[in-house]
C-alpha atoms as a PDB file:
ATOM      1  CA  MET A   1     -23.593-110.781 201.470  1.00  0.00           C
ATOM      2  CA  LYS A   2     -26.025-112.889 203.405  1.00  0.00           C
ATOM      3  CA  LYS A   3     -28.380-110.496 205.099  1.00  0.00           C
ATOM      4  CA  LEU A   4     -27.083-107.075 204.193  1.00  0.00           C
ATOM      5  CA  VAL A   5     -29.729-104.583 205.261  1.00  0.00           C
ATOM      6  CA  LYS A   6     -30.363-101.785 202.763  1.00  0.00           C
ATOM      7  CA  THR A   7     -33.472-100.289 204.316  1.00  0.00           C
ATOM      8  CA  ILE A   8     -31.957 -96.949 205.250  1.00  0.00           C
ATOM      9  CA  ALA A   9     -28.761 -95.055 204.518  1.00  0.00           C
ATOM     10  CA  LEU A  10     -26.944 -93.339 207.323  1.00  0.00           C
ATOM     11  CA  THR A  11     -24.553 -90.586 206.285  1.00  0.00           C
ATOM     12  CA  SER A  12     -23.934 -88.498 209.337  1.00  0.00           C
ATOM     13  CA  LEU A  13     -21.109 -87.190 211.445  1.00  0.00           C
ATOM     14  CA  ILE A  14     -22.536 -88.994 214.425  1.00  0.00           C
ATOM     15  CA  ALA A  15     -24.999 -91.442 212.983  1.00  0.00           C
ATOM     16  CA  THR A  16     -28.338 -91.100 214.674  1.00  0.00           C
ATOM     17  CA  VAL A  17     -31.111 -93.521 215.403  1.00  0.00           C
ATOM     18  CA  PRO A  18     -33.369 -93.738 212.349  1.00  0.00           C
ATOM     19  CA  THR A  19     -37.093 -94.351 212.270  1.00  0.00           C
ATOM     20  CA  ILE A  20     -37.590 -97.916 211.089  1.00  0.00           C
ATOM     21  CA  THR A  21     -40.860 -99.613 210.203  1.00  0.00           C
ATOM     22  CA  PHE A  22     -41.107-103.362 210.595  1.00  0.00           C
ATOM     23  CA  ALA A  23     -43.806-105.999 211.041  1.00  0.00           C
ATOM     24  CA  GLU A  24     -43.997-108.466 213.904  1.00  0.00           C
ATOM     25  CA  ALA A  25     -40.626-107.301 215.105  1.00  0.00           C
ATOM     26  CA  PRO A  26     -38.866-109.445 217.682  1.00  0.00           C
ATOM     27  CA  SER A  27     -38.283-107.833 221.023  1.00  0.00           C
ATOM     28  CA  PHE A  28     -35.962-108.233 223.969  1.00  0.00           C
ATOM     29  CA  LYS A  29     -37.283-107.680 227.447  1.00  0.00           C
ATOM     30  CA  ASP A  30     -34.231-105.655 228.460  1.00  0.00           C
ATOM     31  CA  VAL A  31     -34.317-103.337 225.414  1.00  0.00           C
ATOM     32  CA  SER A  32     -37.195-100.929 225.946  1.00  0.00           C
ATOM     33  CA  SER A  33     -38.630 -98.688 223.266  1.00  0.00           C
ATOM     34  CA  LYS A  34     -36.899 -95.808 225.064  1.00  0.00           C
ATOM     35  CA  ASN A  35     -33.467 -97.322 224.514  1.00  0.00           C
ATOM     36  CA  VAL A  36     -31.630 -95.012 222.133  1.00  0.00           C
ATOM     37  CA  TYR A  37     -30.609 -98.013 220.004  1.00  0.00           C
ATOM     38  CA  HIS A  38     -33.906 -99.919 220.243  1.00  0.00           C
ATOM     39  CA  ASP A  39     -34.836 -99.653 216.558  1.00  0.00           C
ATOM     40  CA  ILE A  40     -31.412-100.690 215.329  1.00  0.00           C
ATOM     41  CA  ILE A  41     -31.242-103.706 217.650  1.00  0.00           C
ATOM     42  CA  VAL A  42     -34.732-104.847 216.687  1.00  0.00           C
ATOM     43  CA  GLU A  43     -34.087-104.324 212.976  1.00  0.00           C
ATOM     44  CA  MET A  44     -30.956-106.476 213.164  1.00  0.00           C
ATOM     45  CA  ALA A  45     -32.917-109.111 215.057  1.00  0.00           C
ATOM     46  CA  ASN A  46     -35.484-108.957 212.251  1.00  0.00           C
ATOM     47  CA  GLN A  47     -32.673-109.781 209.841  1.00  0.00           C
ATOM     48  CA  SER A  48     -31.666-112.773 212.020  1.00  0.00           C
ATOM     49  CA  ILE A  49     -28.292-111.188 212.694  1.00  0.00           C
ATOM     50  CA  ILE A  50     -29.019-110.726 216.393  1.00  0.00           C
ATOM     51  CA  ASN A  51     -30.571-113.622 218.286  1.00  0.00           C
ATOM     52  CA  GLY A  52     -30.153-112.650 221.905  1.00  0.00           C
ATOM     53  CA  TYR A  53     -30.170-115.063 224.817  1.00  0.00           C
ATOM     54  CA  GLU A  54     -32.539-117.917 225.597  1.00  0.00           C
ATOM     55  CA  ASP A  55     -34.084-115.935 228.450  1.00  0.00           C
ATOM     56  CA  GLY A  56     -35.328-113.300 225.994  1.00  0.00           C
ATOM     57  CA  THR A  57     -32.670-110.714 226.808  1.00  0.00           C
ATOM     58  CA  PHE A  58     -30.103-108.966 224.652  1.00  0.00           C
ATOM     59  CA  ARG A  59     -27.950-107.621 227.500  1.00  0.00           C
ATOM     60  CA  PRO A  60     -27.076-104.436 225.621  1.00  0.00           C
ATOM     61  CA  ASN A  61     -24.687-103.045 228.215  1.00  0.00           C
ATOM     62  CA  GLN A  62     -22.528-106.143 228.571  1.00  0.00           C
ATOM     63  CA  SER A  63     -19.180-106.210 226.794  1.00  0.00           C
ATOM     64  CA  ILE A  64     -19.428-108.162 223.573  1.00  0.00           C
ATOM     65  CA  THR A  65     -17.230-111.247 223.482  1.00  0.00           C
ATOM     66  CA  ARG A  66     -15.055-112.408 220.627  1.00  0.00           C
ATOM     67  CA  LYS A  67     -17.336-115.368 219.965  1.00  0.00           C
ATOM     68  CA  HIS A  68     -20.541-113.315 219.865  1.00  0.00           C
ATOM     69  CA  ALA A  69     -18.984-110.665 217.622  1.00  0.00           C
ATOM     70  CA  SER A  70     -17.929-113.509 215.324  1.00  0.00           C
ATOM     71  CA  ALA A  71     -21.497-114.790 215.252  1.00  0.00           C
ATOM     72  CA  LEU A  72     -23.001-111.436 214.259  1.00  0.00           C
ATOM     73  CA  ILE A  73     -20.464-110.865 211.496  1.00  0.00           C
ATOM     74  CA  ASN A  74     -20.716-114.399 210.117  1.00  0.00           C
ATOM     75  CA  ARG A  75     -24.508-114.136 209.947  1.00  0.00           C
ATOM     76  CA  ALA A  76     -24.339-110.840 208.088  1.00  0.00           C
ATOM     77  CA  VAL A  77     -21.705-111.405 205.411  1.00  0.00           C
ATOM     78  CA  ASP A  78     -19.935-114.092 203.400  1.00  0.00           C
ATOM     79  CA  LEU A  79     -16.349-113.755 204.530  1.00  0.00           C
ATOM     80  CA  PRO A  80     -13.385-114.489 202.248  1.00  0.00           C
ATOM     81  CA  GLU A  81     -11.086-117.393 203.093  1.00  0.00           C
ATOM     82  CA  THR A  82      -7.565-116.014 203.058  1.00  0.00           C
ATOM     83  CA  GLU A  83      -5.867-118.096 205.764  1.00  0.00           C
ATOM     84  CA  GLU A  84      -5.501-121.776 206.557  1.00  0.00           C
ATOM     85  CA  PHE A  85      -7.454-122.775 209.638  1.00  0.00           C
ATOM     86  CA  THR A  86      -5.472-124.074 212.579  1.00  0.00           C
ATOM     87  CA  GLN A  87      -7.519-125.276 215.516  1.00  0.00           C
ATOM     88  CA  PRO A  88      -6.995-122.981 218.542  1.00  0.00           C
ATOM     89  CA  LYS A  89      -6.120-124.857 221.712  1.00  0.00           C
ATOM     90  CA  ASP A  90      -9.103-123.498 223.631  1.00  0.00           C
ATOM     91  CA  LEU A  91     -11.768-123.874 220.926  1.00  0.00           C
ATOM     92  CA  SER A  92     -13.808-127.055 220.930  1.00  0.00           C
ATOM     93  CA  SER A  93     -15.784-128.143 217.891  1.00  0.00           C
ATOM     94  CA  LYS A  94     -18.703-128.433 220.320  1.00  0.00           C
ATOM     95  CA  ASN A  95     -18.637-124.694 220.991  1.00  0.00           C
ATOM     96  CA  ALA A  96     -21.906-123.156 219.765  1.00  0.00           C
ATOM     97  CA  ASN A  97     -19.932-120.493 217.911  1.00  0.00           C
ATOM     98  CA  TYR A  98     -17.258-122.796 216.522  1.00  0.00           C
ATOM     99  CA  ASN A  99     -18.130-122.191 212.861  1.00  0.00           C
ATOM    100  CA  ASP A 100     -18.433-118.442 213.395  1.00  0.00           C
ATOM    101  CA  ILE A 101     -15.009-118.189 215.003  1.00  0.00           C
ATOM    102  CA  LYS A 102     -13.546-120.493 212.363  1.00  0.00           C
ATOM    103  CA  ALA A 103     -14.900-118.250 209.600  1.00  0.00           C
ATOM    104  CA  LEU A 104     -13.280-115.162 211.117  1.00  0.00           C
ATOM    105  CA  ILE A 105      -9.961-116.941 211.629  1.00  0.00           C
ATOM    106  CA  LYS A 106      -9.958-118.052 207.980  1.00  0.00           C
ATOM    107  CA  ALA A 107     -10.717-114.458 206.964  1.00  0.00           C
ATOM    108  CA  ASP A 108      -7.747-113.272 209.074  1.00  0.00           C
ATOM    109  CA  LEU A 109     -10.058-111.241 211.309  1.00  0.00           C
ATOM    110  CA  LEU A 110      -9.321-113.025 214.592  1.00  0.00           C
ATOM    111  CA  GLU A 111      -5.917-114.087 215.833  1.00  0.00           C
ATOM    112  CA  VAL A 112      -4.751-116.518 218.491  1.00  0.00           C
ATOM    113  CA  ASP A 113      -2.576-115.306 221.321  1.00  0.00           C
ATOM    114  CA  GLY A 114       0.990-116.372 222.027  1.00  0.00           C
ATOM    115  CA  LYS A 115      -0.244-119.579 223.646  1.00  0.00           C
ATOM    116  CA  GLY A 116      -2.354-120.590 220.673  1.00  0.00           C
ATOM    117  CA  ASN A 117      -5.656-119.634 222.300  1.00  0.00           C
ATOM    118  CA  ILE A 118      -8.449-117.693 220.603  1.00  0.00           C
ATOM    119  CA  ASN A 119     -10.078-116.680 223.916  1.00  0.00           C
ATOM    120  CA  PRO A 120     -13.681-116.903 222.674  1.00  0.00           C
ATOM    121  CA  ASN A 121     -15.166-115.573 225.911  1.00  0.00           C
ATOM    122  CA  ALA A 122     -12.839-112.574 226.198  1.00  0.00           C
ATOM    123  CA  PRO A 123     -14.240-109.105 225.470  1.00  0.00           C
ATOM    124  CA  LEU A 124     -13.606-107.847 221.953  1.00  0.00           C
ATOM    125  CA  THR A 125     -11.538-104.662 221.884  1.00  0.00           C
ATOM    126  CA  ARG A 126     -12.401-101.553 219.897  1.00  0.00           C
ATOM    127  CA  GLY A 127      -9.264-102.085 217.833  1.00  0.00           C
ATOM    128  CA  GLU A 128     -10.338-105.616 216.936  1.00  0.00           C
ATOM    129  CA  MET A 129     -13.801-104.293 216.116  1.00  0.00           C
ATOM    130  CA  ALA A 130     -12.307-101.747 213.717  1.00  0.00           C
ATOM    131  CA  LYS A 131     -10.462-104.408 211.740  1.00  0.00           C
ATOM    132  CA  ILE A 132     -13.378-106.844 211.686  1.00  0.00           C
ATOM    133  CA  ILE A 133     -16.024-104.368 210.560  1.00  0.00           C
ATOM    134  CA  SER A 134     -13.907-102.445 208.047  1.00  0.00           C
ATOM    135  CA  VAL A 135     -12.725-105.640 206.317  1.00  0.00           C
ATOM    136  CA  ALA A 136     -16.063-107.465 206.509  1.00  0.00           C
ATOM    137  CA  PHE A 137     -17.918-104.558 204.892  1.00  0.00           C
ATOM    138  CA  ASN A 138     -15.146-103.508 202.487  1.00  0.00           C
ATOM    139  CA  LEU A 139     -14.628-100.048 203.952  1.00  0.00           C
ATOM    140  CA  GLU A 140     -11.576 -97.976 203.085  1.00  0.00           C
ATOM    141  CA  GLY A 141      -9.968 -94.797 204.353  1.00  0.00           C
ATOM    142  CA  ASP A 142      -6.671 -93.025 203.850  1.00  0.00           C
ATOM    143  CA  LYS A 143      -6.335 -90.680 206.783  1.00  0.00           C
ATOM    144  CA  ASN A 144      -6.513 -90.987 210.536  1.00  0.00           C
ATOM    145  CA  SER A 145      -8.009 -88.151 212.547  1.00  0.00           C
ATOM    146  CA  LEU A 146      -7.762 -89.814 215.967  1.00  0.00           C
ATOM    147  CA  LYS A 147      -4.627 -89.302 218.010  1.00  0.00           C
ATOM    148  CA  ASP A 148      -4.118 -92.587 219.894  1.00  0.00           C
ATOM    149  CA  VAL A 149      -4.365 -95.132 217.068  1.00  0.00           C
ATOM    150  CA  SER A 150      -1.464 -97.547 216.588  1.00  0.00           C
ATOM    151  CA  LYS A 151      -0.052 -98.114 213.106  1.00  0.00           C
ATOM    152  CA  GLY A 152      -1.289-101.698 212.986  1.00  0.00           C
ATOM    153  CA  ILE A 153      -4.951-100.751 213.055  1.00  0.00           C
ATOM    154  CA  GLU A 154      -4.706 -97.252 211.598  1.00  0.00           C
ATOM    155  CA  PRO A 155      -6.119 -98.256 208.167  1.00  0.00           C
ATOM    156  CA  TYR A 156      -9.133 -99.893 209.798  1.00  0.00           C
ATOM    157  CA  VAL A 157      -9.918 -97.017 212.141  1.00  0.00           C
ATOM    158  CA  SER A 158      -9.487 -94.586 209.252  1.00  0.00           C
ATOM    159  CA  ALA A 159     -11.992 -96.602 207.234  1.00  0.00           C
ATOM    160  CA  LEU A 160     -14.565 -96.425 210.019  1.00  0.00           C
ATOM    161  CA  TYR A 161     -13.915 -92.740 210.634  1.00  0.00           C
ATOM    162  CA  GLU A 162     -14.130 -91.654 207.015  1.00  0.00           C
ATOM    163  CA  ASN A 163     -17.329 -93.645 206.477  1.00  0.00           C
ATOM    164  CA  ASP A 164     -18.945 -92.142 209.600  1.00  0.00           C
ATOM    165  CA  VAL A 165     -19.168 -95.495 211.357  1.00  0.00           C
ATOM    166  CA  THR A 166     -17.317 -94.025 214.334  1.00  0.00           C
ATOM    167  CA  THR A 167     -16.299 -90.549 215.404  1.00  0.00           C
ATOM    168  CA  GLY A 168     -14.145 -91.558 218.342  1.00  0.00           C
ATOM    169  CA  TYR A 169     -14.384 -89.835 221.693  1.00  0.00           C
ATOM    170  CA  GLU A 170     -14.750 -86.122 222.319  1.00  0.00           C
ATOM    171  CA  ASP A 171     -11.093 -85.831 223.350  1.00  0.00           C
ATOM    172  CA  GLY A 172      -9.989 -87.055 219.914  1.00  0.00           C
ATOM    173  CA  THR A 173      -9.113 -90.587 221.026  1.00  0.00           C
ATOM    174  CA  PHE A 174     -10.296 -93.979 219.786  1.00  0.00           C
ATOM    175  CA  ARG A 175      -9.212 -96.103 222.794  1.00  0.00           C
ATOM    176  CA  GLU A 176      -8.429 -99.226 220.816  1.00  0.00           C
ATOM    177  CA  LYS A 177      -7.613-101.356 223.862  1.00  0.00           C
ATOM    178  CA  GLU A 178     -10.978-100.787 225.527  1.00  0.00           C
ATOM    179  CA  SER A 179     -13.904-103.162 225.139  1.00  0.00           C
ATOM    180  CA  LEU A 180     -17.279-102.155 223.757  1.00  0.00           C
ATOM    181  CA  THR A 181     -20.831-103.112 224.619  1.00  0.00           C
ATOM    182  CA  ARG A 182     -23.088-105.427 222.679  1.00  0.00           C
ATOM    183  CA  SER A 183     -25.329-102.527 221.697  1.00  0.00           C
ATOM    184  CA  HIS A 184     -22.418-100.439 220.434  1.00  0.00           C
ATOM    185  CA  PHE A 185     -21.064-103.302 218.340  1.00  0.00           C
ATOM    186  CA  ALA A 186     -24.520-103.746 216.822  1.00  0.00           C
ATOM    187  CA  VAL A 187     -24.713-100.036 216.033  1.00  0.00           C
ATOM    188  CA  PHE A 188     -21.259 -99.976 214.425  1.00  0.00           C
ATOM    189  CA  MET A 189     -22.264-102.966 212.306  1.00  0.00           C
ATOM    190  CA  TYR A 190     -25.544-101.350 211.338  1.00  0.00           C
ATOM    191  CA  ARG A 191     -23.851 -98.152 210.245  1.00  0.00           C
ATOM    192  CA  ALA A 192     -21.342-100.102 208.148  1.00  0.00           C
ATOM    193  CA  MET A 193     -24.134-102.117 206.555  1.00  0.00           C
ATOM    194  CA  ASN A 194     -26.111 -99.034 205.589  1.00  0.00           C
ATOM    195  CA  ILE A 195     -23.538 -96.714 204.121  1.00  0.00           C
ATOM    196  CA  ASP A 196     -24.736 -94.888 201.032  1.00  0.00           C
ATOM    197  CA  ARG A 197     -21.648 -95.430 198.917  1.00  0.00           C
ATOM    198  CA  ASP A 198     -22.950 -93.151 196.169  1.00  0.00           C
ATOM    199  CA  SER A 199     -23.431 -90.144 198.443  1.00  0.00           C
ATOM    200  CA  GLU A 200     -21.047 -87.206 198.484  1.00  0.00           C
ATOM    201  CA  VAL A 201     -20.243 -84.800 201.254  1.00  0.00           C
ATOM    202  CA  ILE A 202     -21.431 -81.342 200.231  1.00  0.00           C
ATOM    203  CA  GLU A 203     -19.558 -78.410 201.673  1.00  0.00           C
ATOM    204  CA  ALA A 204     -21.534 -75.736 203.479  1.00  0.00           C
ATOM    205  CA  ASP A 205     -20.902 -73.136 200.777  1.00  0.00           C
ATOM    206  CA  GLN A 206     -22.113 -75.381 197.967  1.00  0.00           C
ATOM    207  CA  GLU A 207     -25.612 -75.310 196.569  1.00  0.00           C
ATOM    208  CA  THR A 208     -27.885 -78.321 196.932  1.00  0.00           C
ATOM    209  CA  LYS A 209     -30.287 -79.297 194.189  1.00  0.00           C
ATOM    210  CA  GLY A 210     -33.751 -80.763 194.490  1.00  0.00           C
ATOM    211  CA  ASP A 211     -34.071 -83.068 197.464  1.00  0.00           C
ATOM    212  CA  GLU A 212     -30.329 -83.548 197.967  1.00  0.00           C
ATOM    213  CA  LYS A 213     -29.144 -83.352 201.537  1.00  0.00           C
ATOM    214  CA  GLY A 214     -25.886 -81.644 202.395  1.00  0.00           C
ATOM    215  CA  LEU A 215     -23.291 -82.243 205.058  1.00  0.00           C
ATOM    216  CA  PHE A 216     -20.692 -80.067 206.609  1.00  0.00           C
ATOM    217  CA  GLU A 217     -18.513 -80.453 209.646  1.00  0.00           C
ATOM    218  CA  LEU A 218     -18.154 -77.980 212.467  1.00  0.00           C
ATOM    219  CA  THR A 219     -14.498 -77.330 213.101  1.00  0.00           C
ATOM    220  CA  ASP A 220     -14.680 -76.227 216.741  1.00  0.00           C
ATOM    221  CA  LYS A 221     -13.767 -79.382 218.639  1.00  0.00           C
ATOM    222  CA  GLU A 222     -15.344 -78.046 221.794  1.00  0.00           C
ATOM    223  CA  TYR A 223     -18.737 -78.448 220.169  1.00  0.00           C
ATOM    224  CA  ILE A 224     -20.724 -81.630 220.072  1.00  0.00           C
ATOM    225  CA  LYS A 225     -21.747 -82.292 216.505  1.00  0.00           C
ATOM    226  CA  ILE A 226     -25.222 -83.727 216.147  1.00  0.00           C
ATOM    227  CA  ALA A 227     -26.221 -84.816 212.680  1.00  0.00           C
ATOM    228  CA  GLU A 228     -29.582 -86.042 211.521  1.00  0.00           C
ATOM    229  CA  MET A 229     -30.449 -86.263 207.868  1.00  0.00           C
ATOM    230  CA  VAL A 230     -33.895 -84.691 207.561  1.00  0.00           C
ATOM    231  CA  ASP A 231     -35.221 -82.600 204.657  1.00  0.00           C
ATOM    232  CA  ILE A 232     -36.112 -79.497 206.656  1.00  0.00           C
ATOM    233  CA  TYR A 233     -34.877 -79.623 210.214  1.00  0.00           C
ATOM    234  CA  ALA A 234     -33.058 -77.137 212.370  1.00  0.00           C
ATOM    235  CA  MET A 235     -32.391 -76.951 216.069  1.00  0.00           C
ATOM    236  CA  LYS A 236     -33.775 -73.465 216.480  1.00  0.00           C
ATOM    237  CA  LYS A 237     -36.779 -73.872 218.745  1.00  0.00           C
ATOM    238  CA  GLU A 238     -39.344 -72.368 216.362  1.00  0.00           C
ATOM    239  CA  ASP A 239     -38.163 -74.708 213.587  1.00  0.00           C
ATOM    240  CA  VAL A 240     -38.309 -77.953 215.549  1.00  0.00           C
ATOM    241  CA  PRO A 241     -41.591 -79.757 214.880  1.00  0.00           C
ATOM    242  CA  ARG A 242     -43.397 -80.528 218.128  1.00  0.00           C
ATOM    243  CA  PRO A 243     -44.749 -84.098 218.109  1.00  0.00           C
ATOM    244  CA  GLU A 244     -48.510 -84.347 218.461  1.00  0.00           C
ATOM    245  CA  GLY A 245     -49.687 -84.492 222.062  1.00  0.00           C
ATOM    246  CA  VAL A 246     -46.368 -83.363 223.550  1.00  0.00           C
ATOM    247  CA  THR A 247     -46.597 -80.496 226.025  1.00  0.00           C
ATOM    248  CA  THR A 248     -43.994 -79.035 228.332  1.00  0.00           C
ATOM    249  CA  GLU A 249     -46.332 -79.581 231.271  1.00  0.00           C
ATOM    250  CA  LYS A 250     -46.603 -83.309 230.549  1.00  0.00           C
ATOM    251  CA  GLN A 251     -42.838 -83.625 230.033  1.00  0.00           C
ATOM    252  CA  ASN A 252     -42.044 -81.819 233.276  1.00  0.00           C
ATOM    253  CA  ALA A 253     -44.563 -83.894 235.238  1.00  0.00           C
ATOM    254  CA  GLU A 254     -43.090 -87.116 233.877  1.00  0.00           C
ATOM    255  CA  GLN A 255     -39.559 -86.055 234.790  1.00  0.00           C
ATOM    256  CA  ILE A 256     -40.671 -85.113 238.303  1.00  0.00           C
ATOM    257  CA  GLU A 257     -42.195 -88.576 238.671  1.00  0.00           C
ATOM    258  CA  ILE A 258     -38.922 -90.132 237.474  1.00  0.00           C
ATOM    259  CA  ARG A 259     -36.893 -88.000 239.873  1.00  0.00           C
ATOM    260  CA  THR A 260     -39.109 -89.023 242.774  1.00  0.00           C
ATOM    261  CA  ARG A 261     -39.001 -92.705 241.898  1.00  0.00           C
ATOM    262  CA  GLU A 262     -35.267 -92.894 241.195  1.00  0.00           C
ATOM    263  CA  LEU A 263     -34.100 -90.339 243.764  1.00  0.00           C
ATOM    264  CA  HIS A 264     -32.497 -87.977 241.277  1.00  0.00           C
ATOM    265  CA  ASN A 265     -31.174 -85.015 243.229  1.00  0.00           C
ATOM    266  CA  GLY A 266     -29.290 -83.165 240.533  1.00  0.00           C
ATOM    267  CA  VAL A 267     -31.351 -81.078 238.147  1.00  0.00           C
ATOM    268  CA  GLY A 268     -30.415 -78.547 235.532  1.00  0.00           C
ATOM    269  CA  GLY A 269     -30.597 -77.609 231.911  1.00  0.00           C
ATOM    270  CA  PHE A 270     -28.538 -76.502 228.976  1.00  0.00           C
ATOM    271  CA  GLY A 271     -29.288 -74.593 225.825  1.00  0.00           C
ATOM    272  CA  ILE A 272     -28.705 -75.522 222.233  1.00  0.00           C
ATOM    273  CA  ALA A 273     -27.127 -72.739 220.217  1.00  0.00           C
ATOM    274  CA  ASP A 274     -29.389 -71.873 217.305  1.00  0.00           C
ATOM    275  CA  ASP A 275     -26.950 -69.714 215.361  1.00  0.00           C
ATOM    276  CA  ASN A 276     -24.776 -72.564 214.114  1.00  0.00           C
ATOM    277  CA  ARG A 277     -27.253 -74.169 211.777  1.00  0.00           C
ATOM    278  CA  SER A 278     -26.557 -73.966 208.065  1.00  0.00           C
ATOM    279  CA  ARG A 279     -29.219 -73.214 205.487  1.00  0.00           C
ATOM    280  CA  PHE A 280     -27.938 -73.852 201.984  1.00  0.00           C
ATOM    281  CA  LYS A 281     -28.294 -71.443 199.084  1.00  0.00           C
ATOM    282  CA  ASP A 282     -31.562 -72.956 197.892  1.00  0.00           C
ATOM    283  CA  ASN A 283     -32.949 -71.787 201.277  1.00  0.00           C
ATOM    284  CA  LYS A 284     -34.670 -75.142 201.693  1.00  0.00           C
ATOM    285  CA  SER A 285     -32.154 -77.778 202.665  1.00  0.00           C
ATOM    286  CA  VAL A 286     -31.083 -77.519 206.281  1.00  0.00           C
ATOM    287  CA  TYR A 287     -28.412 -79.617 207.905  1.00  0.00           C
ATOM    288  CA  ASN A 288     -28.815 -79.495 211.630  1.00  0.00           C
ATOM    289  CA  ALA A 289     -25.199 -79.710 212.681  1.00  0.00           C
ATOM    290  CA  LEU A 290     -25.458 -77.820 215.903  1.00  0.00           C
ATOM    291  CA  ALA A 291     -23.325 -76.724 218.759  1.00  0.00           C
ATOM    292  CA  ILE A 292     -24.186 -77.399 222.339  1.00  0.00           C
ATOM    293  CA  THR A 293     -23.333 -74.225 224.226  1.00  0.00           C
ATOM    294  CA  THR A 294     -20.632 -76.007 226.197  1.00  0.00           C
ATOM    295  CA  GLY A 295     -19.100 -79.127 224.687  1.00  0.00           C
ATOM    296  CA  GLN A 296     -17.134 -79.820 227.842  1.00  0.00           C
ATOM    297  CA  PHE A 297     -20.397 -79.956 229.765  1.00  0.00           C
ATOM    298  CA  ILE A 298     -21.718 -82.736 227.525  1.00  0.00           C
ATOM    299  CA  ASP A 299     -18.449 -84.597 227.874  1.00  0.00           C
ATOM    300  CA  SER A 300     -18.585 -84.361 231.662  1.00  0.00           C
ATOM    301  CA  LYS A 301     -22.236 -85.443 231.778  1.00  0.00           C
ATOM    302  CA  ALA A 302     -21.496 -88.436 229.577  1.00  0.00           C
ATOM    303  CA  ARG A 303     -18.617 -89.475 231.813  1.00  0.00           C
ATOM    304  CA  HIS A 304     -20.729 -88.911 234.925  1.00  0.00           C
ATOM    305  CA  THR A 305     -23.462 -91.188 233.574  1.00  0.00           C
ATOM    306  CA  ASN A 306     -20.892 -93.750 232.384  1.00  0.00           C
ATOM    307  CA  ILE A 307     -21.786 -93.654 228.690  1.00  0.00           C
ATOM    308  CA  SER A 308     -19.901 -92.367 225.675  1.00  0.00           C
ATOM    309  CA  VAL A 309     -20.295 -88.862 224.327  1.00  0.00           C
ATOM    310  CA  GLU A 310     -21.503 -90.472 221.112  1.00  0.00           C
ATOM    311  CA  GLU A 311     -24.338 -92.275 222.895  1.00  0.00           C
ATOM    312  CA  PHE A 312     -25.220 -89.155 224.883  1.00  0.00           C
ATOM    313  CA  THR A 313     -25.429 -87.286 221.589  1.00  0.00           C
ATOM    314  CA  ASP A 314     -27.692 -89.955 220.101  1.00  0.00           C
ATOM    315  CA  ILE A 315     -29.996 -89.614 223.092  1.00  0.00           C
ATOM    316  CA  ILE A 316     -30.194 -85.864 222.525  1.00  0.00           C
ATOM    317  CA  ASN A 317     -31.185 -86.434 218.912  1.00  0.00           C
ATOM    318  CA  GLN A 318     -33.818 -88.921 220.027  1.00  0.00           C
ATOM    319  CA  ILE A 319     -35.505 -86.711 222.596  1.00  0.00           C
ATOM    320  CA  VAL A 320     -35.574 -83.715 220.257  1.00  0.00           C
ATOM    321  CA  LYS A 321     -37.202 -85.775 217.532  1.00  0.00           C
ATOM    322  CA  THR A 322     -39.714 -87.684 219.658  1.00  0.00           C
ATOM    323  CA  GLY A 323     -40.521 -85.368 222.559  1.00  0.00           C
ATOM    324  CA  GLU A 324     -40.115 -88.233 225.016  1.00  0.00           C
ATOM    325  CA  VAL A 325     -38.636 -87.946 228.477  1.00  0.00           C
ATOM    326  CA  TYR A 326     -35.598 -90.216 228.294  1.00  0.00           C
ATOM    327  CA  ASP A 327     -35.128 -92.362 231.384  1.00  0.00           C
ATOM    328  CA  SER A 328     -31.990 -94.459 231.735  1.00  0.00           C
ATOM    329  CA  GLY A 329     -32.575 -95.277 235.388  1.00  0.00           C
ATOM    330  CA  ASN A 330     -29.567 -93.171 236.348  1.00  0.00           C
ATOM    331  CA  PHE A 331     -30.575 -89.955 234.623  1.00  0.00           C
ATOM    332  CA  SER A 332     -33.432 -88.455 232.656  1.00  0.00           C
ATOM    333  CA  MET A 333     -33.777 -85.585 230.223  1.00  0.00           C
ATOM    334  CA  TYR A 334     -36.178 -84.028 227.746  1.00  0.00           C
ATOM    335  CA  TYR A 335     -36.228 -81.276 225.125  1.00  0.00           C
ATOM    336  CA  ASN A 336     -38.415 -78.273 225.924  1.00  0.00           C
ATOM    337  CA  TYR A 337     -40.050 -77.111 222.701  1.00  0.00           C
ATOM    338  CA  ASP A 338     -41.057 -73.815 224.301  1.00  0.00           C
ATOM    339  CA  ASP A 339     -37.606 -72.491 225.177  1.00  0.00           C
ATOM    340  CA  GLY A 340     -35.302 -74.748 223.142  1.00  0.00           C
ATOM    341  CA  ASN A 341     -33.436 -76.063 226.203  1.00  0.00           C
ATOM    342  CA  ILE A 342     -32.765 -79.602 227.383  1.00  0.00           C
ATOM    343  CA  TYR A 343     -33.619 -80.368 231.001  1.00  0.00           C
ATOM    344  CA  TYR A 344     -31.953 -83.225 232.831  1.00  0.00           C
ATOM    345  CA  SER A 345     -31.871 -84.840 236.246  1.00  0.00           C
ATOM    346  CA  ASP A 346     -29.440 -87.339 237.702  1.00  0.00           C
ATOM    347  CA  ARG A 347     -28.239 -88.814 240.954  1.00  0.00           C
END
């Protein structure tokens, strides 16, 4: 592999944003440090996998195109050549991503349409993403837990699901025909690149030894599962470490300022159930799979703010860990270390 990043292993039900240390990291003016995927995007830019645009932007919320997905994959891995290359009718050798697209065609990861076009500027679909990433990073799976996956891409979606690259949507769907954003494609790639292939899932009733970290999966599908691999970490308020300098007063004042500036009228809060954590038999290793009191509420808030449940969950993990007041422009929220609730505001 060309630039396979092995700096951190993600083995989580919903992979969360890790803390990454890097020197002289590149930055994009439209990816702020508060972006839930900031560290991943910057780390991949550090590896010269992500270049961004000439104007210094990454455009994280735009749909990723077939040509740009090809570029990221071709920079990250050496793809096998399994197919003869036939020039698509709509692909010029002068196209900046010609060699990237050619590499994916030869690896049988991109196909032309019925007219012989490769449609380089068309949005990549989630189904196409599943095939590209699972094959490029040699991921395998033998079962499909998502209910709307067609047989043609079932092996690829299964590979992503079983390796915790994707969890699908809260309603149990994968939505293979939908497009995905540039930031989400980067995150899926990053998770695939950083799988700890030697790790094992440890059931909740098994004992962990030494510094091993265990995983278990909540079975109640109405719950949002939030997973973050930390040695000692639980979502009960007295167990959550409060970052230095963070006070509820400062958080509340910052959210009020955001509400005033962005005209957020809706305010509210929700609690995190603290009785669903699991402490293993050694009484040391804690896996903070937790249940939001109402999973449907999280699903509705994610839809209301036009982001996926997965991204909303990542944001929750981020604010609990950092103590920051998350501001998307359309909504804000923070974790209150005093009462263990999350407070949000939106339009």
